[in-house]
């Protein structure tokens, strides 16, 4: 079974219910960066997302 990369804002925020999950790491990072920038006004690098926000499920 393939691994998926997941960003789950809902698990750390009581005001954001955004969740993405993708088997494609590049796609997950692109969508996560867009969400973090547009909704949370945070510009995160790919490494920051990998280390601090994306889960492998």
PDB file of N, CA and C in Angstrom:
ATOM      1  N   UNK A   1       0.847  -1.183   0.000  1.00  0.00           N
ATOM      2  CA  UNK A   1       0.000   0.000   0.000  1.00  0.00           C
ATOM      3  C   UNK A   1       0.891   1.245   0.000  1.00  0.00           C
ATOM      4  N   UNK A   2       0.543   2.213  -0.816  1.00  0.00           N
ATOM      5  CA  UNK A   2       1.327   3.441  -0.938  1.00  0.00           C
ATOM      6  C   UNK A   2       1.145   4.335   0.286  1.00  0.00           C
ATOM      7  N   UNK A   3       2.192   5.056   0.605  1.00  0.00           N
ATOM      8  CA  UNK A   3       2.118   6.018   1.695  1.00  0.00           C
ATOM      9  C   UNK A   3       1.511   7.314   1.185  1.00  0.00           C
ATOM     10  N   UNK A   4       0.820   8.002   2.062  1.00  0.00           N
ATOM     11  CA  UNK A   4       0.235   9.293   1.711  1.00  0.00           C
ATOM     12  C   UNK A   4       0.828  10.365   2.617  1.00  0.00           C
ATOM     13  N   UNK A   5       0.839  11.579   2.104  1.00  0.00           N
ATOM     14  CA  UNK A   5       1.324  12.745   2.832  1.00  0.00           C
ATOM     15  C   UNK A   5       0.102  13.569   3.206  1.00  0.00           C
ATOM     16  N   UNK A   6       0.023  13.948   4.484  1.00  0.00           N
ATOM     17  CA  UNK A   6      -1.197  14.569   4.989  1.00  0.00           C
ATOM     18  C   UNK A   6      -0.885  15.829   5.783  1.00  0.00           C
ATOM     19  N   UNK A   7      -1.672  16.867   5.524  1.00  0.00           N
ATOM     20  CA  UNK A   7      -1.681  18.083   6.334  1.00  0.00           C
ATOM     21  C   UNK A   7      -3.069  18.167   6.952  1.00  0.00           C
ATOM     22  N   UNK A   8      -3.135  18.254   8.263  1.00  0.00           N
ATOM     23  CA  UNK A   8      -4.408  18.255   8.977  1.00  0.00           C
ATOM     24  C   UNK A   8      -4.470  19.459   9.913  1.00  0.00           C
ATOM     25  N   UNK A   9      -4.943  20.589   9.408  1.00  0.00           N
ATOM     26  CA  UNK A   9      -5.069  21.790  10.239  1.00  0.00           C
ATOM     27  C   UNK A   9      -6.083  21.570  11.355  1.00  0.00           C
ATOM     28  N   UNK A  10      -7.083  20.761  11.082  1.00  0.00           N
ATOM     29  CA  UNK A  10      -8.148  20.523  12.044  1.00  0.00           C
ATOM     30  C   UNK A  10      -7.605  19.942  13.358  1.00  0.00           C
ATOM     31  N   UNK A  11      -6.511  19.197  13.282  1.00  0.00           N
ATOM     32  CA  UNK A  11      -5.974  18.574  14.495  1.00  0.00           C
ATOM     33  C   UNK A  11      -5.228  19.562  15.389  1.00  0.00           C
ATOM     34  N   UNK A  12      -4.857  20.729  14.857  1.00  0.00           N
ATOM     35  CA  UNK A  12      -4.117  21.712  15.663  1.00  0.00           C
ATOM     36  C   UNK A  12      -4.824  23.063  15.785  1.00  0.00           C
ATOM     37  N   UNK A  13      -5.958  23.213  15.129  1.00  0.00           N
ATOM     38  CA  UNK A  13      -6.669  24.495  15.148  1.00  0.00           C
ATOM     39  C   UNK A  13      -8.155  24.259  15.374  1.00  0.00           C
ATOM     40  N   UNK A  14      -8.749  25.067  16.221  1.00  0.00           N
ATOM     41  CA  UNK A  14     -10.189  24.937  16.426  1.00  0.00           C
ATOM     42  C   UNK A  14     -10.991  25.790  15.441  1.00  0.00           C
ATOM     43  N   UNK A  15     -10.295  26.532  14.576  1.00  0.00           N
ATOM     44  CA  UNK A  15     -10.996  27.384  13.605  1.00  0.00           C
ATOM     45  C   UNK A  15     -10.781  26.958  12.161  1.00  0.00           C
ATOM     46  N   UNK A  16      -9.880  26.016  11.901  1.00  0.00           N
ATOM     47  CA  UNK A  16      -9.596  25.605  10.527  1.00  0.00           C
ATOM     48  C   UNK A  16      -9.854  24.112  10.391  1.00  0.00           C
ATOM     49  N   UNK A  17     -10.669  23.756   9.423  1.00  0.00           N
ATOM     50  CA  UNK A  17     -11.029  22.353   9.225  1.00  0.00           C
ATOM     51  C   UNK A  17     -10.369  21.765   7.975  1.00  0.00           C
ATOM     52  N   UNK A  18      -9.331  22.403   7.461  1.00  0.00           N
ATOM     53  CA  UNK A  18      -8.666  22.004   6.222  1.00  0.00           C
ATOM     54  C   UNK A  18      -7.834  20.734   6.425  1.00  0.00           C
ATOM     55  N   UNK A  19      -8.027  19.769   5.521  1.00  0.00           N
ATOM     56  CA  UNK A  19      -7.231  18.538   5.503  1.00  0.00           C
ATOM     57  C   UNK A  19      -6.915  18.206   4.054  1.00  0.00           C
ATOM     58  N   UNK A  20      -5.637  17.913   3.775  1.00  0.00           N
ATOM     59  CA  UNK A  20      -5.288  17.367   2.467  1.00  0.00           C
ATOM     60  C   UNK A  20      -4.535  16.068   2.690  1.00  0.00           C
ATOM     61  N   UNK A  21      -4.671  15.174   1.728  1.00  0.00           N
ATOM     62  CA  UNK A  21      -3.937  13.916   1.774  1.00  0.00           C
ATOM     63  C   UNK A  21      -3.684  13.490   0.341  1.00  0.00           C
ATOM     64  N   UNK A  22      -2.437  13.172   0.047  1.00  0.00           N
ATOM     65  CA  UNK A  22      -2.062  12.781  -1.312  1.00  0.00           C
ATOM     66  C   UNK A  22      -0.915  11.786  -1.263  1.00  0.00           C
ATOM     67  N   UNK A  23      -0.931  10.832  -2.182  1.00  0.00           N
ATOM     68  CA  UNK A  23       0.196   9.916  -2.319  1.00  0.00           C
ATOM     69  C   UNK A  23       1.384  10.611  -2.979  1.00  0.00           C
ATOM     70  N   UNK A  24       1.129  11.741  -3.623  1.00  0.00           N
ATOM     71  CA  UNK A  24       2.175  12.504  -4.306  1.00  0.00           C
ATOM     72  C   UNK A  24       2.674  13.607  -3.366  1.00  0.00           C
ATOM     73  N   UNK A  25       3.918  13.464  -2.885  1.00  0.00           N
ATOM     74  CA  UNK A  25       4.457  14.423  -1.922  1.00  0.00           C
ATOM     75  C   UNK A  25       4.528  15.830  -2.498  1.00  0.00           C
ATOM     76  N   UNK A  26       4.926  15.969  -3.756  1.00  0.00           N
ATOM     77  CA  UNK A  26       5.017  17.298  -4.374  1.00  0.00           C
ATOM     78  C   UNK A  26       3.654  17.987  -4.400  1.00  0.00           C
ATOM     79  N   UNK A  27       2.620  17.232  -4.736  1.00  0.00           N
ATOM     80  CA  UNK A  27       1.270  17.791  -4.763  1.00  0.00           C
ATOM     81  C   UNK A  27       0.832  18.212  -3.359  1.00  0.00           C
ATOM     82  N   UNK A  28       1.098  17.374  -2.370  1.00  0.00           N
ATOM     83  CA  UNK A  28       0.716  17.702  -0.988  1.00  0.00           C
ATOM     84  C   UNK A  28       1.420  18.968  -0.517  1.00  0.00           C
ATOM     85  N   UNK A  29       2.699  19.095  -0.832  1.00  0.00           N
ATOM     86  CA  UNK A  29       3.450  20.284  -0.424  1.00  0.00           C
ATOM     87  C   UNK A  29       2.920  21.521  -1.125  1.00  0.00           C
ATOM     88  N   UNK A  30       2.658  21.425  -2.415  1.00  0.00           N
ATOM     89  CA  UNK A  30       2.131  22.573  -3.167  1.00  0.00           C
ATOM     90  C   UNK A  30       0.796  23.034  -2.587  1.00  0.00           C
ATOM     91  N   UNK A  31      -0.104  22.102  -2.328  1.00  0.00           N
ATOM     92  CA  UNK A  31      -1.412  22.459  -1.772  1.00  0.00           C
ATOM     93  C   UNK A  31      -1.285  22.991  -0.344  1.00  0.00           C
ATOM     94  N   UNK A  32      -0.395  22.402   0.433  1.00  0.00           N
ATOM     95  CA  UNK A  32      -0.193  22.860   1.808  1.00  0.00           C
ATOM     96  C   UNK A  32       0.389  24.270   1.831  1.00  0.00           C
ATOM     97  N   UNK A  33       1.374  24.535   0.968  1.00  0.00           N
ATOM     98  CA  UNK A  33       1.955  25.883   0.910  1.00  0.00           C
ATOM     99  C   UNK A  33       0.895  26.905   0.531  1.00  0.00           C
ATOM    100  N   UNK A  34       0.079  26.565  -0.447  1.00  0.00           N
ATOM    101  CA  UNK A  34      -0.979  27.485  -0.886  1.00  0.00           C
ATOM    102  C   UNK A  34      -1.961  27.752   0.258  1.00  0.00           C
ATOM    103  N   UNK A  35      -2.381  26.712   0.940  1.00  0.00           N
ATOM    104  CA  UNK A  35      -3.317  26.870   2.055  1.00  0.00           C
ATOM    105  C   UNK A  35      -2.709  27.716   3.167  1.00  0.00           C
ATOM    106  N   UNK A  36      -1.496  27.392   3.568  1.00  0.00           N
ATOM    107  CA  UNK A  36      -0.850  28.120   4.663  1.00  0.00           C
ATOM    108  C   UNK A  36      -0.667  29.598   4.321  1.00  0.00           C
ATOM    109  N   UNK A  37      -0.331  29.889   3.075  1.00  0.00           N
ATOM    110  CA  UNK A  37      -0.136  31.278   2.636  1.00  0.00           C
ATOM    111  C   UNK A  37      -1.467  32.023   2.581  1.00  0.00           C
ATOM    112  N   UNK A  38      -2.476  31.422   1.941  1.00  0.00           N
ATOM    113  CA  UNK A  38      -3.743  32.121   1.709  1.00  0.00           C
ATOM    114  C   UNK A  38      -4.626  32.211   2.951  1.00  0.00           C
ATOM    115  N   UNK A  39      -4.610  31.188   3.785  1.00  0.00           N
ATOM    116  CA  UNK A  39      -5.523  31.155   4.931  1.00  0.00           C
ATOM    117  C   UNK A  39      -4.844  31.614   6.223  1.00  0.00           C
ATOM    118  N   UNK A  40      -3.599  31.216   6.402  1.00  0.00           N
ATOM    119  CA  UNK A  40      -2.908  31.499   7.663  1.00  0.00           C
ATOM    120  C   UNK A  40      -1.817  32.559   7.533  1.00  0.00           C
ATOM    121  N   UNK A  41      -1.650  33.109   6.341  1.00  0.00           N
ATOM    122  CA  UNK A  41      -0.657  34.163   6.079  1.00  0.00           C
ATOM    123  C   UNK A  41       0.751  33.742   6.518  1.00  0.00           C
ATOM    124  N   UNK A  42       1.105  32.484   6.209  1.00  0.00           N
ATOM    125  CA  UNK A  42       2.420  31.953   6.552  1.00  0.00           C
ATOM    126  C   UNK A  42       3.084  31.416   5.285  1.00  0.00           C
ATOM    127  N   UNK A  43       4.281  31.887   5.007  1.00  0.00           N
ATOM    128  CA  UNK A  43       5.061  31.357   3.888  1.00  0.00           C
ATOM    129  C   UNK A  43       6.033  30.329   4.442  1.00  0.00           C
ATOM    130  N   UNK A  44       5.745  29.066   4.201  1.00  0.00           N
ATOM    131  CA  UNK A  44       6.582  27.986   4.719  1.00  0.00           C
ATOM    132  C   UNK A  44       7.347  27.325   3.578  1.00  0.00           C
ATOM    133  N   UNK A  45       8.583  26.976   3.852  1.00  0.00           N
ATOM    134  CA  UNK A  45       9.392  26.272   2.858  1.00  0.00           C
ATOM    135  C   UNK A  45       8.946  24.811   2.795  1.00  0.00           C
ATOM    136  N   UNK A  46       9.388  24.128   1.749  1.00  0.00           N
ATOM    137  CA  UNK A  46       9.091  22.704   1.629  1.00  0.00           C
ATOM    138  C   UNK A  46       9.646  21.949   2.831  1.00  0.00           C
ATOM    139  N   UNK A  47      10.859  22.297   3.244  1.00  0.00           N
ATOM    140  CA  UNK A  47      11.474  21.617   4.391  1.00  0.00           C
ATOM    141  C   UNK A  47      10.694  21.862   5.676  1.00  0.00           C
ATOM    142  N   UNK A  48      10.222  23.086   5.888  1.00  0.00           N
ATOM    143  CA  UNK A  48       9.432  23.389   7.087  1.00  0.00           C
ATOM    144  C   UNK A  48       8.153  22.560   7.111  1.00  0.00           C
ATOM    145  N   UNK A  49       7.511  22.451   5.948  1.00  0.00           N
ATOM    146  CA  UNK A  49       6.290  21.648   5.879  1.00  0.00           C
ATOM    147  C   UNK A  49       6.584  20.182   6.161  1.00  0.00           C
ATOM    148  N   UNK A  50       7.633  19.654   5.524  1.00  0.00           N
ATOM    149  CA  UNK A  50       7.985  18.242   5.732  1.00  0.00           C
ATOM    150  C   UNK A  50       8.290  17.953   7.207  1.00  0.00           C
ATOM    151  N   UNK A  51       9.071  18.817   7.827  1.00  0.00           N
ATOM    152  CA  UNK A  51       9.547  18.563   9.193  1.00  0.00           C
ATOM    153  C   UNK A  51       8.498  18.845  10.269  1.00  0.00           C
ATOM    154  N   UNK A  52       7.636  19.849  10.034  1.00  0.00           N
ATOM    155  CA  UNK A  52       6.762  20.312  11.109  1.00  0.00           C
ATOM    156  C   UNK A  52       5.274  20.111  10.890  1.00  0.00           C
ATOM    157  N   UNK A  53       4.848  19.870   9.659  1.00  0.00           N
ATOM    158  CA  UNK A  53       3.409  19.884   9.417  1.00  0.00           C
ATOM    159  C   UNK A  53       2.870  18.669   8.673  1.00  0.00           C
ATOM    160  N   UNK A  54       3.639  18.091   7.760  1.00  0.00           N
ATOM    161  CA  UNK A  54       3.144  16.949   6.999  1.00  0.00           C
ATOM    162  C   UNK A  54       3.364  15.665   7.777  1.00  0.00           C
ATOM    163  N   UNK A  55       2.371  14.821   7.723  1.00  0.00           N
ATOM    164  CA  UNK A  55       2.456  13.485   8.326  1.00  0.00           C
ATOM    165  C   UNK A  55       2.495  12.470   7.189  1.00  0.00           C
ATOM    166  N   UNK A  56       3.162  11.368   7.418  1.00  0.00           N
ATOM    167  CA  UNK A  56       3.101  10.247   6.474  1.00  0.00           C
ATOM    168  C   UNK A  56       2.145   9.231   7.067  1.00  0.00           C
ATOM    169  N   UNK A  57       1.108   8.926   6.296  1.00  0.00           N
ATOM    170  CA  UNK A  57       0.055   8.008   6.793  1.00  0.00           C
ATOM    171  C   UNK A  57      -0.102   6.820   5.868  1.00  0.00           C
TER     172      UNK A  57
END
